[in-house]
Structure formats: C-alpha cells, structure tokens
C-alpha atoms as a PDB file:
ATOM      1  CA  MET A   1     -12.407  -1.406 -16.455  1.00  0.00           C
ATOM      2  CA  ALA A   2     -12.184  -2.210 -20.113  1.00  0.00           C
ATOM      3  CA  LEU A   3     -12.186   0.456 -22.739  1.00  0.00           C
ATOM      4  CA  ALA A   4     -15.235   0.948 -24.855  1.00  0.00           C
ATOM      5  CA  THR A   5     -15.035  -1.013 -28.124  1.00  0.00           C
ATOM      6  CA  ALA A   6     -14.654   2.097 -30.308  1.00  0.00           C
ATOM      7  CA  GLU A   7     -11.861   3.368 -28.089  1.00  0.00           C
ATOM      8  CA  ALA A   8      -9.966   0.009 -28.095  1.00  0.00           C
ATOM      9  CA  LEU A   9     -10.402  -0.201 -31.836  1.00  0.00           C
ATOM     10  CA  ASP A  10      -8.929   3.298 -32.195  1.00  0.00           C
ATOM     11  CA  ILE A  11      -5.877   2.332 -30.073  1.00  0.00           C
ATOM     12  CA  ALA A  12      -5.341  -0.880 -31.995  1.00  0.00           C
ATOM     13  CA  ALA A  13      -5.603   0.979 -35.299  1.00  0.00           C
ATOM     14  CA  ARG A  14      -3.247   3.617 -34.237  1.00  0.00           C
ATOM     15  CA  ILE A  15      -0.646   1.070 -33.100  1.00  0.00           C
ATOM     16  CA  LEU A  16      -0.922  -1.047 -36.231  1.00  0.00           C
ATOM     17  CA  ASP A  17      -0.912   1.951 -38.598  1.00  0.00           C
ATOM     18  CA  THR A  18       2.150   3.468 -36.848  1.00  0.00           C
ATOM     19  CA  GLY A  19       4.014   0.119 -36.861  1.00  0.00           C
ATOM     20  CA  LYS A  20       3.083  -0.559 -40.504  1.00  0.00           C
ATOM     21  CA  ALA A  21       4.623   2.771 -41.438  1.00  0.00           C
ATOM     22  CA  ILE A  22       7.837   2.142 -39.506  1.00  0.00           C
ATOM     23  CA  VAL A  23       8.427  -1.555 -40.085  1.00  0.00           C
ATOM     24  CA  PRO A  24       5.854  -2.844 -42.571  1.00  0.00           C
ATOM     25  CA  ASP A  25       7.009  -6.495 -42.510  1.00  0.00           C
ATOM     26  CA  ARG A  26       6.719  -6.776 -38.668  1.00  0.00           C
ATOM     27  CA  PHE A  27       3.065  -5.473 -38.270  1.00  0.00           C
ATOM     28  CA  PRO A  28      -0.048  -7.240 -39.668  1.00  0.00           C
ATOM     29  CA  ALA A  29      -2.135  -5.471 -42.317  1.00  0.00           C
ATOM     30  CA  THR A  30      -5.504  -3.985 -41.240  1.00  0.00           C
ATOM     31  CA  HIS A  31      -7.188  -4.007 -44.631  1.00  0.00           C
ATOM     32  CA  GLY A  32      -9.588  -6.708 -45.881  1.00  0.00           C
ATOM     33  CA  GLU A  33     -11.470  -9.250 -43.967  1.00  0.00           C
ATOM     34  CA  ALA A  34      -8.364 -10.812 -42.340  1.00  0.00           C
ATOM     35  CA  GLY A  35      -7.213  -7.294 -41.370  1.00  0.00           C
ATOM     36  CA  GLU A  36     -10.476  -6.610 -39.709  1.00  0.00           C
ATOM     37  CA  ARG A  37     -10.195  -9.792 -37.650  1.00  0.00           C
ATOM     38  CA  THR A  38      -6.652  -8.836 -36.723  1.00  0.00           C
ATOM     39  CA  LEU A  39      -7.748  -5.353 -35.646  1.00  0.00           C
ATOM     40  CA  ALA A  40     -10.587  -6.724 -33.636  1.00  0.00           C
ATOM     41  CA  ALA A  41      -8.222  -9.198 -31.846  1.00  0.00           C
ATOM     42  CA  TRP A  42      -5.749  -6.490 -31.025  1.00  0.00           C
ATOM     43  CA  ALA A  43      -8.635  -4.280 -29.800  1.00  0.00           C
ATOM     44  CA  ASP A  44      -9.660  -7.048 -27.443  1.00  0.00           C
ATOM     45  CA  VAL A  45      -6.193  -7.025 -25.924  1.00  0.00           C
ATOM     46  CA  PHE A  46      -6.140  -3.291 -25.559  1.00  0.00           C
ATOM     47  CA  ALA A  47      -9.656  -3.115 -24.305  1.00  0.00           C
ATOM     48  CA  ASP A  48      -8.361  -4.483 -20.946  1.00  0.00           C
ATOM     49  CA  ALA A  49      -4.985  -2.851 -20.805  1.00  0.00           C
ATOM     50  CA  GLY A  50      -5.278   0.285 -22.883  1.00  0.00           C
ATOM     51  CA  ALA A  51      -7.216   2.336 -20.337  1.00  0.00           C
ATOM     52  CA  ASN A  52      -4.050   2.457 -18.164  1.00  0.00           C
ATOM     53  CA  TYR A  53      -2.273   4.616 -20.659  1.00  0.00           C
ATOM     54  CA  PRO A  54      -3.086   7.933 -22.408  1.00  0.00           C
ATOM     55  CA  PRO A  55      -3.337   7.656 -26.222  1.00  0.00           C
ATOM     56  CA  GLU A  56      -0.192   9.740 -26.612  1.00  0.00           C
ATOM     57  CA  VAL A  57       1.913   6.717 -25.236  1.00  0.00           C
ATOM     58  CA  TRP A  58       1.236   4.324 -28.114  1.00  0.00           C
ATOM     59  CA  ALA A  59       3.211   5.898 -30.943  1.00  0.00           C
ATOM     60  CA  PRO A  60       6.390   6.184 -28.818  1.00  0.00           C
ATOM     61  CA  ALA A  61       5.821   2.682 -27.562  1.00  0.00           C
ATOM     62  CA  VAL A  62       5.636   1.369 -31.200  1.00  0.00           C
ATOM     63  CA  ARG A  63       8.810   3.447 -32.102  1.00  0.00           C
ATOM     64  CA  SER A  64      10.576   2.016 -29.047  1.00  0.00           C
ATOM     65  CA  TRP A  65       9.679  -1.533 -29.946  1.00  0.00           C
ATOM     66  CA  ALA A  66      10.695  -1.041 -33.634  1.00  0.00           C
ATOM     67  CA  ALA A  67      14.037   0.489 -32.618  1.00  0.00           C
ATOM     68  CA  ARG A  68      15.181  -2.497 -30.590  1.00  0.00           C
ATOM     69  CA  SER A  69      13.412  -5.422 -32.336  1.00  0.00           C
ATOM     70  CA  VAL A  70      15.625  -8.006 -34.062  1.00  0.00           C
ATOM     71  CA  GLY A  71      14.771 -10.852 -36.408  1.00  0.00           C
ATOM     72  CA  ASP A  72      11.857 -11.108 -38.746  1.00  0.00           C
ATOM     73  CA  ARG A  73       9.185 -12.184 -36.339  1.00  0.00           C
ATOM     74  CA  MET A  74       5.810 -10.344 -36.285  1.00  0.00           C
ATOM     75  CA  VAL A  75       4.998  -8.169 -33.281  1.00  0.00           C
ATOM     76  CA  ALA A  76       2.678  -9.390 -30.566  1.00  0.00           C
ATOM     77  CA  PRO A  77       0.331  -7.098 -28.638  1.00  0.00           C
ATOM     78  CA  ARG A  78       2.022  -7.970 -25.364  1.00  0.00           C
ATOM     79  CA  GLU A  79       5.282  -6.587 -26.730  1.00  0.00           C
ATOM     80  CA  ILE A  80       3.651  -3.233 -27.432  1.00  0.00           C
ATOM     81  CA  LEU A  81       2.102  -3.210 -23.970  1.00  0.00           C
ATOM     82  CA  ASN A  82       5.558  -3.862 -22.452  1.00  0.00           C
ATOM     83  CA  ALA A  83       7.047  -1.052 -24.580  1.00  0.00           C
ATOM     84  CA  ALA A  84       4.236   1.269 -23.379  1.00  0.00           C
ATOM     85  CA  ARG A  85       5.040   0.375 -19.789  1.00  0.00           C
ATOM     86  CA  GLU A  86       8.683   1.302 -20.444  1.00  0.00           C
ATOM     87  CA  VAL A  87       7.733   4.575 -22.048  1.00  0.00           C
ATOM     88  CA  VAL A  88       5.553   5.502 -19.112  1.00  0.00           C
ATOM     89  CA  ALA A  89       8.420   4.667 -16.751  1.00  0.00           C
ATOM     90  CA  VAL A  90      10.665   7.057 -18.649  1.00  0.00           C
ATOM     91  CA  TRP A  91       7.944   9.776 -18.673  1.00  0.00           C
ATOM     92  CA  GLU A  92       7.562   9.438 -14.866  1.00  0.00           C
ATOM     93  CA  GLY A  93      11.093  10.955 -14.664  1.00  0.00           C
ATOM     94  CA  ASP A  94      10.005  14.096 -16.544  1.00  0.00           C
ATOM     95  CA  PRO A  95       7.969  16.463 -14.313  1.00  0.00           C
ATOM     96  CA  GLU A  96       5.831  17.755 -17.109  1.00  0.00           C
ATOM     97  CA  LYS A  97       4.989  14.356 -18.487  1.00  0.00           C
ATOM     98  CA  ALA A  98       4.541  12.887 -15.012  1.00  0.00           C
ATOM     99  CA  ALA A  99       1.949  15.588 -14.341  1.00  0.00           C
ATOM    100  CA  PHE A 100       0.163  14.664 -17.634  1.00  0.00           C
ATOM    101  CA  LEU A 101       0.170  11.041 -16.559  1.00  0.00           C
ATOM    102  CA  ASP A 102      -1.227  11.924 -13.221  1.00  0.00           C
ATOM    103  CA  ARG A 103      -4.065  13.860 -14.902  1.00  0.00           C
ATOM    104  CA  HIS A 104      -4.807  10.855 -17.073  1.00  0.00           C
ATOM    105  CA  ARG A 105      -4.902   8.489 -14.052  1.00  0.00           C
ATOM    106  CA  ASN A 106      -7.099  10.843 -12.025  1.00  0.00           C
ATOM    107  CA  ALA A 107      -9.550  11.212 -14.976  1.00  0.00           C
ATOM    108  CA  TYR A 108      -9.603   7.401 -15.285  1.00  0.00           C
ATOM    109  CA  LEU A 109     -10.330   6.949 -11.578  1.00  0.00           C
ATOM    110  CA  SER A 110     -13.083   9.628 -11.740  1.00  0.00           C
ATOM    111  CA  ARG A 111     -14.711   7.818 -14.739  1.00  0.00           C
ATOM    112  CA  ARG A 112     -14.570   4.470 -12.816  1.00  0.00           C
ATOM    113  CA  GLU A 113     -15.922   6.051  -9.727  1.00  0.00           C
ATOM    114  CA  ALA A 114     -18.795   7.709 -11.661  1.00  0.00           C
ATOM    115  CA  ALA A 115     -19.618   4.329 -13.225  1.00  0.00           C
ATOM    116  CA  GLY A 116     -19.862   2.711  -9.814  1.00  0.00           C
ATOM    117  CA  ALA A 117     -16.861   0.499 -10.300  1.00  0.00           C
ATOM    118  CA  LEU A 118     -14.956   2.202  -7.425  1.00  0.00           C
ATOM    119  CA  PRO A 119     -16.220   3.545  -4.119  1.00  0.00           C
ATOM    120  CA  VAL A 120     -16.884   7.283  -3.711  1.00  0.00           C
ATOM    121  CA  GLY A 121     -13.720   9.086  -2.530  1.00  0.00           C
ATOM    122  CA  THR A 122     -11.330   6.969  -4.656  1.00  0.00           C
ATOM    123  CA  ALA A 123     -10.597   9.755  -7.155  1.00  0.00           C
ATOM    124  CA  PRO A 124      -8.447  12.628  -5.833  1.00  0.00           C
ATOM    125  CA  GLU A 125     -11.026  15.240  -7.088  1.00  0.00           C
ATOM    126  CA  ASN A 126     -13.623  13.589  -4.806  1.00  0.00           C
ATOM    127  CA  PRO A 127     -11.834  13.218  -1.430  1.00  0.00           C
ATOM    128  CA  SER A 128     -13.678  11.198   1.208  1.00  0.00           C
ATOM    129  CA  GLY A 129     -12.797  13.433   4.153  1.00  0.00           C
ATOM    130  CA  GLY A 130      -9.334  11.877   4.700  1.00  0.00           C
ATOM    131  CA  ARG A 131     -10.648   8.328   4.819  1.00  0.00           C
ATOM    132  CA  LEU A 132      -9.062   5.745   2.547  1.00  0.00           C
ATOM    133  CA  ALA A 133     -11.374   4.325  -0.032  1.00  0.00           C
ATOM    134  CA  ALA A 134     -11.928   0.617   0.549  1.00  0.00           C
ATOM    135  CA  ILE A 135     -10.859  -0.690  -2.866  1.00  0.00           C
ATOM    136  CA  PRO A 136     -11.230  -4.402  -2.873  1.00  0.00           C
ATOM    137  CA  ALA A 137      -8.307  -6.513  -3.875  1.00  0.00           C
ATOM    138  CA  PRO A 138      -8.835  -8.299  -7.155  1.00  0.00           C
ATOM    139  CA  HIS A 139      -8.700 -11.668  -5.465  1.00  0.00           C
ATOM    140  CA  GLY A 140     -10.133 -10.578  -2.095  1.00  0.00           C
ATOM    141  CA  ALA A 141     -12.482 -13.553  -1.822  1.00  0.00           C
ATOM    142  CA  GLY A 142      -9.748 -15.911  -2.649  1.00  0.00           C
ATOM    143  CA  ARG A 143      -7.486 -14.391  -0.034  1.00  0.00           C
ATOM    144  CA  GLN A 144     -10.276 -14.771   2.570  1.00  0.00           C
ATOM    145  CA  ARG A 145     -10.777 -18.454   1.636  1.00  0.00           C
ATOM    146  CA  PHE A 146      -6.991 -18.970   1.842  1.00  0.00           C
ATOM    147  CA  ARG A 147      -6.876 -17.432   5.351  1.00  0.00           C
ATOM    148  CA  GLU A 148      -9.828 -19.615   6.504  1.00  0.00           C
ATOM    149  CA  GLN A 149      -8.081 -22.660   5.120  1.00  0.00           C
ATOM    150  CA  LEU A 150      -4.876 -21.702   7.011  1.00  0.00           C
ATOM    151  CA  ASP A 151      -6.967 -21.284  10.213  1.00  0.00           C
ATOM    152  CA  ARG A 152      -8.398 -24.794   9.634  1.00  0.00           C
ATOM    153  CA  PHE A 153      -4.913 -26.271   9.214  1.00  0.00           C
ATOM    154  CA  ALA A 154      -3.703 -24.515  12.277  1.00  0.00           C
ATOM    155  CA  THR A 155      -6.620 -25.734  14.394  1.00  0.00           C
ATOM    156  CA  ARG A 156      -5.945 -29.251  13.196  1.00  0.00           C
ATOM    157  CA  ASN A 157      -2.235 -28.905  14.030  1.00  0.00           C
ATOM    158  CA  LEU A 158      -3.112 -27.632  17.462  1.00  0.00           C
ATOM    159  CA  ALA A 159      -5.105 -30.752  18.387  1.00  0.00           C
ATOM    160  CA  ALA A 160      -1.989 -31.998  20.192  1.00  0.00           C
ATOM    161  CA  LEU A 161      -2.552 -29.411  22.973  1.00  0.00           C
ATOM    162  CA  ASP A 162      -5.756 -31.307  24.062  1.00  0.00           C
ATOM    163  CA  ASP A 163      -4.587 -34.873  23.097  1.00  0.00           C
ATOM    164  CA  PRO A 164      -3.700 -36.819  26.255  1.00  0.00           C
ATOM    165  CA  ASP A 165      -1.597 -39.273  24.155  1.00  0.00           C
ATOM    166  CA  ALA A 166       0.514 -36.575  22.581  1.00  0.00           C
ATOM    167  CA  THR A 167       4.104 -36.522  23.349  1.00  0.00           C
ATOM    168  CA  PRO A 168       5.710 -33.540  25.136  1.00  0.00           C
ATOM    169  CA  HIS A 169       7.498 -32.697  21.825  1.00  0.00           C
ATOM    170  CA  ASP A 170       4.128 -32.580  19.969  1.00  0.00           C
ATOM    171  CA  ARG A 171       2.567 -30.479  22.682  1.00  0.00           C
ATOM    172  CA  ALA A 172       5.477 -27.943  22.684  1.00  0.00           C
ATOM    173  CA  ARG A 173       5.273 -27.726  18.855  1.00  0.00           C
ATOM    174  CA  ALA A 174       1.560 -27.225  18.986  1.00  0.00           C
ATOM    175  CA  ARG A 175       1.962 -24.460  21.630  1.00  0.00           C
ATOM    176  CA  LYS A 176       4.579 -22.739  19.484  1.00  0.00           C
ATOM    177  CA  ARG A 177       2.228 -22.903  16.516  1.00  0.00           C
ATOM    178  CA  ALA A 178      -0.609 -21.405  18.554  1.00  0.00           C
ATOM    179  CA  GLU A 179       1.543 -18.528  19.669  1.00  0.00           C
ATOM    180  CA  GLU A 180       2.651 -17.868  16.063  1.00  0.00           C
ATOM    181  CA  ARG A 181      -0.969 -18.005  14.822  1.00  0.00           C
ATOM    182  CA  ASP A 182      -2.038 -15.570  17.535  1.00  0.00           C
ATOM    183  CA  ARG A 183       0.852 -13.260  16.680  1.00  0.00           C
ATOM    184  CA  ARG A 184      -0.012 -13.307  12.969  1.00  0.00           C
ATOM    185  CA  ARG A 185      -3.706 -12.630  13.654  1.00  0.00           C
ATOM    186  CA  ALA A 186      -2.819  -9.694  16.004  1.00  0.00           C
ATOM    187  CA  ALA A 187      -0.594  -8.174  13.289  1.00  0.00           C
ATOM    188  CA  ARG A 188      -3.327  -8.662  10.672  1.00  0.00           C
ATOM    189  CA  ASP A 189      -5.953  -7.159  12.903  1.00  0.00           C
ATOM    190  CA  ALA A 190      -3.560  -4.160  13.728  1.00  0.00           C
ATOM    191  CA  ARG A 191      -3.131  -3.553   9.913  1.00  0.00           C
ATOM    192  CA  THR A 192      -6.813  -3.655   9.322  1.00  0.00           C
ATOM    193  CA  THR A 193      -7.478  -1.335  12.201  1.00  0.00           C
ATOM    194  CA  ARG A 194      -4.868   1.132  11.071  1.00  0.00           C
ATOM    195  CA  LYS A 195      -6.445   1.191   7.539  1.00  0.00           C
ATOM    196  CA  ALA A 196      -9.822   1.720   8.982  1.00  0.00           C
ATOM    197  CA  VAL A 197      -8.753   4.581  11.290  1.00  0.00           C
ATOM    198  CA  SER A 198      -6.806   6.344   8.592  1.00  0.00           C
END
C-alpha cells in the first residue's frame, strides 16, 4: 500500500533536507521549480517503499549513507532505501527499538486491514481465532498459470505411457515422470491442507 502523497512528500523532504545539511554537494536542492520536480520524483519512490519504515528511520539512514559514501556522485533514492533497510536490521538487535518497529508494523497492517487491502485477522490486534489469514502472494495468479503450464508439459511428456510405438525406455521415463508429478502434487496438497487447518 503506497503512502498518501502528503506523507510521501514529507518523507522525501526530510531525507533531502537532512542530506543537504550533511553533504550538500551529494543531495539535490528542493527549492525552485526543478527542486519541486525532484521532491515529487523522490516522493514517488518513497510512496511505495516508505510505508515499510517508521519516519524515525530516515535520518539515521541518511547519516549512514553519508558516512560511507565515496566519490562525488549524487545520491539515488534506492541507496537511501538500502541504508534504511540496514538501519532497521541493526535496530532489530535492540529489544527496545525492535518493539518500536513491531508496533509500527502492526499499525501498518491494521491500517491496510481497515482499508480492505488485507483480510480480517491479518493484524495481530484483530486475531482470527487462530486461523492464518489468507494473504495472497503478489504473483499468485502467475504462479497458478505456471503450475497449469507445468501440468500440461507433464501430461504431454506422459503420452509415451499410452503410445504403442513408444520404446521401453520412453515408457519407463514417462512412468518415472508420472510418479514424480504425483509426489509433487501430493506434497503441494499437503502444504495447502496444513495451512488451511492451522
């Protein structure tokens, strides 16, 4: 879920202002017409990724990037996102900061659940009676199509079982494929059943 435009603009402004104060020649200016376009472009990047991190992460991320950057190249938004990811990884080792991150994540899940983007019971504050929430994979439809395509290939490759002109070697290979396909399907069905029962 992307951040609201005002929130994303606030994150981008914080990052660029902090960076401009630390290393002015590595961060773009945010004043004037060109600065507004830069700020809007950075906000677009952080609208998608910024919701994952609390606002308190951005200043340490900028300081972390500035402390290890070399050369005279301008910063890119992806570098700040990577630095934020590293800051969060360090914070996970501190019990107090880890609890703060958990509260942020739970609030984020609650907002998404309230907006209807996630099924009820996803957020820890709204348990679903011990059932796991069925959160669809980002590429769930693509995975389903891929499985169907694999099944079509497997069926085509198994044609040697019924072909009277097939060699014994082709029949044995087709039989082995059929057993492997059945084993994979059984394992997949068992995983699905386990998730549904939990």
